Protein backbone atom coordinates (compact mmCIF):
# COMPACT_ATOMS: atom_id res chain seq x y z
CA MET A 1 40.90 19.15 -35.46
CA THR A 2 42.96 17.46 -38.46
CA GLY A 3 43.60 14.07 -36.52
CA GLN A 4 47.29 15.15 -36.93
CA ARG A 5 50.26 14.70 -34.02
CA LEU A 6 51.18 17.95 -32.95
CA VAL A 7 54.86 17.71 -31.23
CA VAL A 8 56.24 20.92 -29.27
CA ASP A 9 59.50 19.52 -28.35
CA GLY A 10 60.75 18.14 -31.34
CA LEU A 11 63.51 19.97 -31.18
CA VAL A 12 66.05 21.38 -28.51
CA ARG A 13 68.53 24.25 -28.68
CA PRO A 14 71.86 22.47 -27.01
CA LYS A 15 73.48 25.59 -27.45
CA ALA A 16 72.43 28.80 -26.13
CA THR A 17 72.95 31.81 -27.97
CA PRO A 18 73.09 35.43 -27.51
CA SER A 19 70.45 37.75 -28.48
CA LEU A 20 70.52 37.74 -32.39
CA GLY A 21 69.16 41.68 -32.35
CA GLY A 22 71.16 44.08 -34.91
CA LEU A 23 73.13 41.00 -36.69
CA ASN A 24 73.10 40.73 -40.15
CA ARG A 25 71.99 37.39 -41.67
CA LYS A 26 75.58 36.09 -41.91
CA ALA A 27 75.95 36.89 -38.45
CA ARG A 28 72.79 35.44 -37.32
CA ALA A 29 73.65 31.99 -39.23
CA ARG A 30 77.03 31.49 -37.74
CA MET A 31 75.18 32.20 -33.96
CA LEU A 32 72.75 28.92 -34.81
CA SER A 33 75.02 26.59 -36.38
CA GLY A 34 74.66 23.81 -34.04
CA ALA A 35 72.45 25.51 -31.58
CA ILE A 36 69.34 24.06 -32.34
CA ALA A 37 69.10 20.08 -33.10
CA PRO A 38 66.35 16.81 -32.98
CA HIS A 39 65.14 16.25 -29.43
CA PRO A 40 66.33 12.98 -28.75
CA ARG A 41 63.43 11.38 -27.83
CA ARG A 42 61.13 12.45 -30.73
CA MET A 43 63.48 11.07 -33.41
CA LYS A 44 60.65 8.66 -34.19
CA VAL A 45 57.80 10.45 -34.52
CA LEU A 46 60.08 12.75 -36.65
CA LYS A 47 61.42 10.28 -38.89
CA GLY A 48 59.35 10.52 -42.51
CA ALA A 49 56.98 13.01 -41.16
CA ASN A 50 55.73 16.32 -42.97
CA VAL A 51 56.49 19.03 -41.01
CA VAL A 52 54.72 21.79 -40.28
CA LEU A 53 57.06 24.29 -38.59
CA VAL A 54 55.24 27.64 -36.89
CA ASP A 55 57.08 30.90 -36.12
CA ASP A 56 56.02 33.93 -34.67
CA VAL A 57 58.04 36.03 -36.35
CA MET A 58 60.61 35.64 -39.29
CA THR A 59 63.36 37.98 -39.22
CA SER A 60 66.02 36.94 -41.37
CA GLY A 61 64.98 33.18 -41.62
CA ALA A 62 68.16 32.30 -39.83
CA THR A 63 66.38 30.17 -36.68
CA THR A 64 63.68 28.96 -39.62
CA ASN A 65 66.77 27.64 -42.04
CA ALA A 66 68.57 25.69 -38.22
CA CYS A 67 65.26 24.52 -37.77
CA ILE A 68 64.79 23.15 -41.08
CA ILE A 69 68.37 21.28 -40.97
CA ALA A 70 67.83 19.94 -37.64
CA LEU A 71 64.28 18.27 -38.88
CA ARG A 72 66.04 17.02 -41.72
CA LYS A 73 67.97 15.45 -39.84
CA ALA A 74 65.99 13.57 -37.81
CA GLY A 75 64.45 12.14 -41.58
CA ALA A 76 61.56 14.68 -42.00
CA ALA A 77 60.51 13.92 -45.10
CA GLN A 78 59.19 17.48 -45.57
CA VAL A 79 59.18 20.65 -43.99
CA ARG A 80 56.67 23.73 -44.33
CA ILE A 81 56.95 26.67 -42.66
CA ALA A 82 54.10 29.14 -41.14
CA CYS A 83 55.09 32.22 -39.89
CA PHE A 84 52.47 34.88 -38.58
CA ALA A 85 54.88 37.98 -39.58
CA ARG A 86 57.60 38.28 -41.88
CA VAL A 87 60.41 41.18 -41.66
CA MET A 88 61.16 42.53 -44.46
CA ASP A 89 64.47 42.60 -46.27
CA GLU A 90 64.53 46.81 -46.61
CA ALA A 91 63.69 46.54 -42.97
CA LEU A 92 66.46 44.49 -41.56
CA ASP A 93 68.54 47.05 -44.15
CA THR A 94 68.28 49.96 -41.99
CA LEU A 95 70.18 47.87 -39.02
CA ARG A 96 72.87 47.63 -41.62
CA SER A 97 75.91 49.15 -42.54
CA PRO A 98 76.45 49.56 -46.46
CA GLN A 99 79.21 47.00 -46.77
CA GLU A 100 76.97 44.40 -45.23
CA ILE A 101 74.24 45.00 -47.68
CA GLU A 102 76.47 44.69 -50.52
CA SER A 103 77.91 41.25 -49.24
């Protein structure tokens, strides 16, 4: 509708990761380190692009951050996030121990 290009395969997951459920923010980020990369065949499209990254539910933001890092490596000029739901930190705190919350 906007005339902009839709790229549904701009990112790939070269490293399999286990379920991130129950992990705190730092553990999620560690698990996702190097797990998401720009698709080699989409580098030309991503370079200099203004990207809208669409996510269904943002929990800790670790996956979103890994995607942003990959898109920046591909040379995206700007990355904006559109998510349909966001898990509040207070809800995440119910899954964490008191020691994890303090760190």
